[in-house]
Amino acid sequence: QYFIWTISSLFTIALWTQTMLQGDGNFALIF
């Protein structure tokens, strides 16, 4: 499962970063 979780963590960081740059969300979930 940790092969999946590692890749997923990186993708989700990118996803929330993009969301934040678009004006929504905040740093909490990126952290």
ModelCIF file with pLDDT and N, C-alpha, C, O atoms, coordinates in Angstrom:
data_MODEL
#
_entry.id   MODEL 
#
_entity.id                         1 
_entity.type                       polymer 
_entity.pdbx_number_of_molecules   1 
#
_entity_poly.entity_id                      1 
_entity_poly.type                           'polypeptide(L)' 
_entity_poly.nstd_linkage                   no 
_entity_poly.nstd_monomer                   no 
_entity_poly.pdbx_seq_one_letter_code       QYFIWTISSLFTIALWTQTMLQGDGNFALIF 
_entity_poly.pdbx_seq_one_letter_code_can   QYFIWTISSLFTIALWTQTMLQGDGNFALIF 
_entity_poly.pdbx_strand_id                 A 
#
loop_
_entity_poly_seq.entity_id 
_entity_poly_seq.num 
_entity_poly_seq.mon_id 
_entity_poly_seq.hetero 
1 1  GLN n 
1 2  TYR n 
1 3  PHE n 
1 4  ILE n 
1 5  TRP n 
1 6  THR n 
1 7  ILE n 
1 8  SER n 
1 9  SER n 
1 10 LEU n 
1 11 PHE n 
1 12 THR n 
1 13 ILE n 
1 14 ALA n 
1 15 LEU n 
1 16 TRP n 
1 17 THR n 
1 18 GLN n 
1 19 THR n 
1 20 MET n 
1 21 LEU n 
1 22 GLN n 
1 23 GLY n 
1 24 ASP n 
1 25 GLY n 
1 26 ASN n 
1 27 PHE n 
1 28 ALA n 
1 29 LEU n 
1 30 ILE n 
1 31 PHE n 
#
_struct_asym.id          A 
_struct_asym.entity_id   1 
#
loop_
_ma_qa_metric.id 
_ma_qa_metric.mode 
_ma_qa_metric.name 
_ma_qa_metric.software_group_id 
_ma_qa_metric.type 
1 global pLDDT . pLDDT 
2 local  pLDDT . pLDDT 
#
_ma_qa_metric_global.metric_id      1 
_ma_qa_metric_global.metric_value   76.58 
_ma_qa_metric_global.model_id       1 
_ma_qa_metric_global.ordinal_id     1 
#
loop_
_ma_qa_metric_local.label_asym_id 
_ma_qa_metric_local.label_comp_id 
_ma_qa_metric_local.label_seq_id 
_ma_qa_metric_local.metric_id 
_ma_qa_metric_local.metric_value 
_ma_qa_metric_local.model_id 
_ma_qa_metric_local.ordinal_id 
A GLN 1  2 94.00 1 1  
A TYR 2  2 93.00 1 2  
A PHE 3  2 93.00 1 3  
A ILE 4  2 92.00 1 4  
A TRP 5  2 90.00 1 5  
A THR 6  2 92.00 1 6  
A ILE 7  2 88.00 1 7  
A SER 8  2 83.00 1 8  
A SER 9  2 84.00 1 9  
A LEU 10 2 85.00 1 10 
A PHE 11 2 77.00 1 11 
A THR 12 2 77.00 1 12 
A ILE 13 2 81.00 1 13 
A ALA 14 2 79.00 1 14 
A LEU 15 2 73.00 1 15 
A TRP 16 2 73.00 1 16 
A THR 17 2 78.00 1 17 
A GLN 18 2 74.00 1 18 
A THR 19 2 71.00 1 19 
A MET 20 2 72.00 1 20 
A LEU 21 2 75.00 1 21 
A GLN 22 2 71.00 1 22 
A GLY 23 2 65.00 1 23 
A ASP 24 2 61.00 1 24 
A GLY 25 2 57.00 1 25 
A ASN 26 2 57.00 1 26 
A PHE 27 2 65.00 1 27 
A ALA 28 2 62.00 1 28 
A LEU 29 2 64.00 1 29 
A ILE 30 2 75.00 1 30 
A PHE 31 2 73.00 1 31 
#
loop_
_atom_site.group_PDB 
_atom_site.id 
_atom_site.type_symbol 
_atom_site.label_atom_id 
_atom_site.label_alt_id 
_atom_site.label_comp_id 
_atom_site.label_asym_id 
_atom_site.label_entity_id 
_atom_site.label_seq_id 
_atom_site.pdbx_PDB_ins_code 
_atom_site.Cartn_x 
_atom_site.Cartn_y 
_atom_site.Cartn_z 
_atom_site.occupancy 
_atom_site.B_iso_or_equiv 
_atom_site.pdbx_formal_charge 
_atom_site.auth_seq_id 
_atom_site.auth_comp_id 
_atom_site.auth_asym_id 
_atom_site.auth_atom_id 
_atom_site.pdbx_PDB_model_num 
ATOM 1   N N  . GLN A 1 1  ? 0.825  -1.208 0.000  1.00 94.00 ? 1  GLN A N  1 
ATOM 2   C CA . GLN A 1 1  ? 0.000  0.000  0.000  1.00 94.00 ? 1  GLN A CA 1 
ATOM 3   C C  . GLN A 1 1  ? 0.862  1.262  0.000  1.00 94.00 ? 1  GLN A C  1 
ATOM 4   O O  . GLN A 1 1  ? 0.429  2.305  -0.491 1.00 94.00 ? 1  GLN A O  1 
ATOM 5   N N  . TYR A 1 2  ? 2.089  1.177  0.551  1.00 93.00 ? 2  TYR A N  1 
ATOM 6   C CA . TYR A 1 2  ? 2.892  2.385  0.691  1.00 93.00 ? 2  TYR A CA 1 
ATOM 7   C C  . TYR A 1 2  ? 3.491  2.871  -0.623 1.00 93.00 ? 2  TYR A C  1 
ATOM 8   O O  . TYR A 1 2  ? 3.925  4.020  -0.712 1.00 93.00 ? 2  TYR A O  1 
ATOM 9   N N  . PHE A 1 3  ? 3.523  2.030  -1.627 1.00 93.00 ? 3  PHE A N  1 
ATOM 10  C CA . PHE A 1 3  ? 3.884  2.534  -2.954 1.00 93.00 ? 3  PHE A CA 1 
ATOM 11  C C  . PHE A 1 3  ? 2.796  3.488  -3.438 1.00 93.00 ? 3  PHE A C  1 
ATOM 12  O O  . PHE A 1 3  ? 3.078  4.540  -4.012 1.00 93.00 ? 3  PHE A O  1 
ATOM 13  N N  . ILE A 1 4  ? 1.536  3.093  -3.192 1.00 92.00 ? 4  ILE A N  1 
ATOM 14  C CA . ILE A 1 4  ? 0.404  3.923  -3.593 1.00 92.00 ? 4  ILE A CA 1 
ATOM 15  C C  . ILE A 1 4  ? 0.342  5.201  -2.755 1.00 92.00 ? 4  ILE A C  1 
ATOM 16  O O  . ILE A 1 4  ? 0.155  6.289  -3.299 1.00 92.00 ? 4  ILE A O  1 
ATOM 17  N N  . TRP A 1 5  ? 0.496  5.075  -1.438 1.00 90.00 ? 5  TRP A N  1 
ATOM 18  C CA . TRP A 1 5  ? 0.373  6.240  -0.563 1.00 90.00 ? 5  TRP A CA 1 
ATOM 19  C C  . TRP A 1 5  ? 1.445  7.281  -0.868 1.00 90.00 ? 5  TRP A C  1 
ATOM 20  O O  . TRP A 1 5  ? 1.178  8.482  -0.808 1.00 90.00 ? 5  TRP A O  1 
ATOM 21  N N  . THR A 1 6  ? 2.662  6.829  -1.194 1.00 92.00 ? 6  THR A N  1 
ATOM 22  C CA . THR A 1 6  ? 3.734  7.780  -1.490 1.00 92.00 ? 6  THR A CA 1 
ATOM 23  C C  . THR A 1 6  ? 3.419  8.593  -2.738 1.00 92.00 ? 6  THR A C  1 
ATOM 24  O O  . THR A 1 6  ? 3.547  9.817  -2.744 1.00 92.00 ? 6  THR A O  1 
ATOM 25  N N  . ILE A 1 7  ? 3.009  7.904  -3.788 1.00 88.00 ? 7  ILE A N  1 
ATOM 26  C CA . ILE A 1 7  ? 2.648  8.607  -5.027 1.00 88.00 ? 7  ILE A CA 1 
ATOM 27  C C  . ILE A 1 7  ? 1.441  9.503  -4.804 1.00 88.00 ? 7  ILE A C  1 
ATOM 28  O O  . ILE A 1 7  ? 1.401  10.636 -5.283 1.00 88.00 ? 7  ILE A O  1 
ATOM 29  N N  . SER A 1 8  ? 0.452  8.988  -4.071 1.00 83.00 ? 8  SER A N  1 
ATOM 30  C CA . SER A 1 8  ? -0.763 9.753  -3.808 1.00 83.00 ? 8  SER A CA 1 
ATOM 31  C C  . SER A 1 8  ? -0.462 11.010 -3.001 1.00 83.00 ? 8  SER A C  1 
ATOM 32  O O  . SER A 1 8  ? -1.060 12.057 -3.248 1.00 83.00 ? 8  SER A O  1 
ATOM 33  N N  . SER A 1 9  ? 0.456  10.922 -2.041 1.00 84.00 ? 9  SER A N  1 
ATOM 34  C CA . SER A 1 9  ? 0.818  12.096 -1.247 1.00 84.00 ? 9  SER A CA 1 
ATOM 35  C C  . SER A 1 9  ? 1.375  13.202 -2.134 1.00 84.00 ? 9  SER A C  1 
ATOM 36  O O  . SER A 1 9  ? 1.018  14.370 -1.980 1.00 84.00 ? 9  SER A O  1 
ATOM 37  N N  . LEU A 1 10 ? 2.249  12.831 -3.060 1.00 85.00 ? 10 LEU A N  1 
ATOM 38  C CA . LEU A 1 10 ? 2.841  13.815 -3.962 1.00 85.00 ? 10 LEU A CA 1 
ATOM 39  C C  . LEU A 1 10 ? 1.796  14.442 -4.870 1.00 85.00 ? 10 LEU A C  1 
ATOM 40  O O  . LEU A 1 10 ? 1.815  15.651 -5.099 1.00 85.00 ? 10 LEU A O  1 
ATOM 41  N N  . PHE A 1 11 ? 0.879  13.620 -5.394 1.00 77.00 ? 11 PHE A N  1 
ATOM 42  C CA . PHE A 1 11 ? -0.173 14.138 -6.259 1.00 77.00 ? 11 PHE A CA 1 
ATOM 43  C C  . PHE A 1 11 ? -1.128 15.048 -5.487 1.00 77.00 ? 11 PHE A C  1 
ATOM 44  O O  . PHE A 1 11 ? -1.564 16.071 -6.015 1.00 77.00 ? 11 PHE A O  1 
ATOM 45  N N  . THR A 1 12 ? -1.455 14.691 -4.253 1.00 77.00 ? 12 THR A N  1 
ATOM 46  C CA . THR A 1 12 ? -2.391 15.495 -3.476 1.00 77.00 ? 12 THR A CA 1 
ATOM 47  C C  . THR A 1 12 ? -1.774 16.825 -3.081 1.00 77.00 ? 12 THR A C  1 
ATOM 48  O O  . THR A 1 12 ? -2.471 17.839 -3.035 1.00 77.00 ? 12 THR A O  1 
ATOM 49  N N  . ILE A 1 13 ? -0.477 16.838 -2.794 1.00 81.00 ? 13 ILE A N  1 
ATOM 50  C CA . ILE A 1 13 ? 0.208  18.108 -2.523 1.00 81.00 ? 13 ILE A CA 1 
ATOM 51  C C  . ILE A 1 13 ? 0.090  19.026 -3.748 1.00 81.00 ? 13 ILE A C  1 
ATOM 52  O O  . ILE A 1 13 ? -0.181 20.220 -3.621 1.00 81.00 ? 13 ILE A O  1 
ATOM 53  N N  . ALA A 1 14 ? 0.296  18.449 -4.921 1.00 79.00 ? 14 ALA A N  1 
ATOM 54  C CA . ALA A 1 14 ? 0.172  19.236 -6.155 1.00 79.00 ? 14 ALA A CA 1 
ATOM 55  C C  . ALA A 1 14 ? -1.267 19.726 -6.344 1.00 79.00 ? 14 ALA A C  1 
ATOM 56  O O  . ALA A 1 14 ? -1.496 20.856 -6.775 1.00 79.00 ? 14 ALA A O  1 
ATOM 57  N N  . LEU A 1 15 ? -2.227 18.863 -6.017 1.00 73.00 ? 15 LEU A N  1 
ATOM 58  C CA . LEU A 1 15 ? -3.637 19.208 -6.192 1.00 73.00 ? 15 LEU A CA 1 
ATOM 59  C C  . LEU A 1 15 ? -4.051 20.360 -5.295 1.00 73.00 ? 15 LEU A C  1 
ATOM 60  O O  . LEU A 1 15 ? -4.688 21.305 -5.761 1.00 73.00 ? 15 LEU A O  1 
ATOM 61  N N  . TRP A 1 16 ? -3.698 20.299 -4.005 1.00 73.00 ? 16 TRP A N  1 
ATOM 62  C CA . TRP A 1 16 ? -4.085 21.357 -3.076 1.00 73.00 ? 16 TRP A CA 1 
ATOM 63  C C  . TRP A 1 16 ? -3.283 22.631 -3.326 1.00 73.00 ? 16 TRP A C  1 
ATOM 64  O O  . TRP A 1 16 ? -3.786 23.726 -3.076 1.00 73.00 ? 16 TRP A O  1 
ATOM 65  N N  . THR A 1 17 ? -2.051 22.512 -3.812 1.00 78.00 ? 17 THR A N  1 
ATOM 66  C CA . THR A 1 17 ? -1.281 23.705 -4.173 1.00 78.00 ? 17 THR A CA 1 
ATOM 67  C C  . THR A 1 17 ? -1.962 24.447 -5.308 1.00 78.00 ? 17 THR A C  1 
ATOM 68  O O  . THR A 1 17 ? -2.075 25.672 -5.287 1.00 78.00 ? 17 THR A O  1 
ATOM 69  N N  . GLN A 1 18 ? -2.416 23.685 -6.306 1.00 74.00 ? 18 GLN A N  1 
ATOM 70  C CA . GLN A 1 18 ? -3.121 24.296 -7.431 1.00 74.00 ? 18 GLN A CA 1 
ATOM 71  C C  . GLN A 1 18 ? -4.428 24.931 -6.966 1.00 74.00 ? 18 GLN A C  1 
ATOM 72  O O  . GLN A 1 18 ? -4.787 26.022 -7.408 1.00 74.00 ? 18 GLN A O  1 
ATOM 73  N N  . THR A 1 19 ? -5.139 24.239 -6.071 1.00 71.00 ? 19 THR A N  1 
ATOM 74  C CA . THR A 1 19 ? -6.389 24.771 -5.536 1.00 71.00 ? 19 THR A CA 1 
ATOM 75  C C  . THR A 1 19 ? -6.147 26.075 -4.795 1.00 71.00 ? 19 THR A C  1 
ATOM 76  O O  . THR A 1 19 ? -6.918 27.023 -4.943 1.00 71.00 ? 19 THR A O  1 
ATOM 77  N N  . MET A 1 20 ? -5.078 26.135 -3.994 1.00 72.00 ? 20 MET A N  1 
ATOM 78  C CA . MET A 1 20 ? -4.758 27.329 -3.230 1.00 72.00 ? 20 MET A CA 1 
ATOM 79  C C  . MET A 1 20 ? -4.380 28.484 -4.155 1.00 72.00 ? 20 MET A C  1 
ATOM 80  O O  . MET A 1 20 ? -4.778 29.625 -3.919 1.00 72.00 ? 20 MET A O  1 
ATOM 81  N N  . LEU A 1 21 ? -3.619 28.195 -5.202 1.00 75.00 ? 21 LEU A N  1 
ATOM 82  C CA . LEU A 1 21 ? -3.212 29.234 -6.138 1.00 75.00 ? 21 LEU A CA 1 
ATOM 83  C C  . LEU A 1 21 ? -4.404 29.801 -6.910 1.00 75.00 ? 21 LEU A C  1 
ATOM 84  O O  . LEU A 1 21 ? -4.356 30.927 -7.406 1.00 75.00 ? 21 LEU A O  1 
ATOM 85  N N  . GLN A 1 22 ? -5.469 29.008 -7.004 1.00 71.00 ? 22 GLN A N  1 
ATOM 86  C CA . GLN A 1 22 ? -6.687 29.467 -7.676 1.00 71.00 ? 22 GLN A CA 1 
ATOM 87  C C  . GLN A 1 22 ? -7.583 30.276 -6.740 1.00 71.00 ? 22 GLN A C  1 
ATOM 88  O O  . GLN A 1 22 ? -8.647 30.749 -7.141 1.00 71.00 ? 22 GLN A O  1 
ATOM 89  N N  . GLY A 1 23 ? -7.140 30.433 -5.476 1.00 65.00 ? 23 GLY A N  1 
ATOM 90  C CA . GLY A 1 23 ? -7.873 31.282 -4.543 1.00 65.00 ? 23 GLY A CA 1 
ATOM 91  C C  . GLY A 1 23 ? -8.662 30.549 -3.494 1.00 65.00 ? 23 GLY A C  1 
ATOM 92  O O  . GLY A 1 23 ? -9.278 31.188 -2.642 1.00 65.00 ? 23 GLY A O  1 
ATOM 93  N N  . ASP A 1 24 ? -8.670 29.216 -3.520 1.00 61.00 ? 24 ASP A N  1 
ATOM 94  C CA . ASP A 1 24 ? -9.401 28.435 -2.525 1.00 61.00 ? 24 ASP A CA 1 
ATOM 95  C C  . ASP A 1 24 ? -8.428 27.625 -1.686 1.00 61.00 ? 24 ASP A C  1 
ATOM 96  O O  . ASP A 1 24 ? -7.278 27.414 -2.071 1.00 61.00 ? 24 ASP A O  1 
ATOM 97  N N  . GLY A 1 25 ? -8.913 27.171 -0.524 1.00 57.00 ? 25 GLY A N  1 
ATOM 98  C CA . GLY A 1 25 ? -8.088 26.318 0.322  1.00 57.00 ? 25 GLY A CA 1 
ATOM 99  C C  . GLY A 1 25 ? -7.015 27.121 1.040  1.00 57.00 ? 25 GLY A C  1 
ATOM 100 O O  . GLY A 1 25 ? -6.949 28.344 0.920  1.00 57.00 ? 25 GLY A O  1 
ATOM 101 N N  . ASN A 1 26 ? -6.173 26.410 1.791  1.00 57.00 ? 26 ASN A N  1 
ATOM 102 C CA . ASN A 1 26 ? -5.091 27.066 2.520  1.00 57.00 ? 26 ASN A CA 1 
ATOM 103 C C  . ASN A 1 26 ? -3.955 26.079 2.730  1.00 57.00 ? 26 ASN A C  1 
ATOM 104 O O  . ASN A 1 26 ? -3.985 24.955 2.229  1.00 57.00 ? 26 ASN A O  1 
ATOM 105 N N  . PHE A 1 27 ? -2.944 26.525 3.487  1.00 65.00 ? 27 PHE A N  1 
ATOM 106 C CA . PHE A 1 27 ? -1.742 25.717 3.655  1.00 65.00 ? 27 PHE A CA 1 
ATOM 107 C C  . PHE A 1 27 ? -1.948 24.498 4.556  1.00 65.00 ? 27 PHE A C  1 
ATOM 108 O O  . PHE A 1 27 ? -1.121 23.586 4.541  1.00 65.00 ? 27 PHE A O  1 
ATOM 109 N N  . ALA A 1 28 ? -3.026 24.458 5.337  1.00 62.00 ? 28 ALA A N  1 
ATOM 110 C CA . ALA A 1 28 ? -3.175 23.430 6.365  1.00 62.00 ? 28 ALA A CA 1 
ATOM 111 C C  . ALA A 1 28 ? -3.094 22.026 5.788  1.00 62.00 ? 28 ALA A C  1 
ATOM 112 O O  . ALA A 1 28 ? -2.349 21.187 6.294  1.00 62.00 ? 28 ALA A O  1 
ATOM 113 N N  . LEU A 1 29 ? -3.859 21.766 4.729  1.00 64.00 ? 29 LEU A N  1 
ATOM 114 C CA . LEU A 1 29 ? -3.880 20.421 4.177  1.00 64.00 ? 29 LEU A CA 1 
ATOM 115 C C  . LEU A 1 29 ? -2.625 20.125 3.366  1.00 64.00 ? 29 LEU A C  1 
ATOM 116 O O  . LEU A 1 29 ? -2.223 18.967 3.253  1.00 64.00 ? 29 LEU A O  1 
ATOM 117 N N  . ILE A 1 30 ? -2.006 21.149 2.804  1.00 75.00 ? 30 ILE A N  1 
ATOM 118 C CA . ILE A 1 30 ? -0.720 20.955 2.124  1.00 75.00 ? 30 ILE A CA 1 
ATOM 119 C C  . ILE A 1 30 ? 0.318  20.507 3.145  1.00 75.00 ? 30 ILE A C  1 
ATOM 120 O O  . ILE A 1 30 ? 1.111  19.605 2.873  1.00 75.00 ? 30 ILE A O  1 
ATOM 121 N N  . PHE A 1 31 ? 0.316  21.133 4.316  1.00 73.00 ? 31 PHE A N  1 
ATOM 122 C CA . PHE A 1 31 ? 1.207  20.715 5.390  1.00 73.00 ? 31 PHE A CA 1 
ATOM 123 C C  . PHE A 1 31 ? 0.952  19.260 5.763  1.00 73.00 ? 31 PHE A C  1 
ATOM 124 O O  . PHE A 1 31 ? 1.611  18.726 6.655  1.00 73.00 ? 31 PHE A O  1 
#
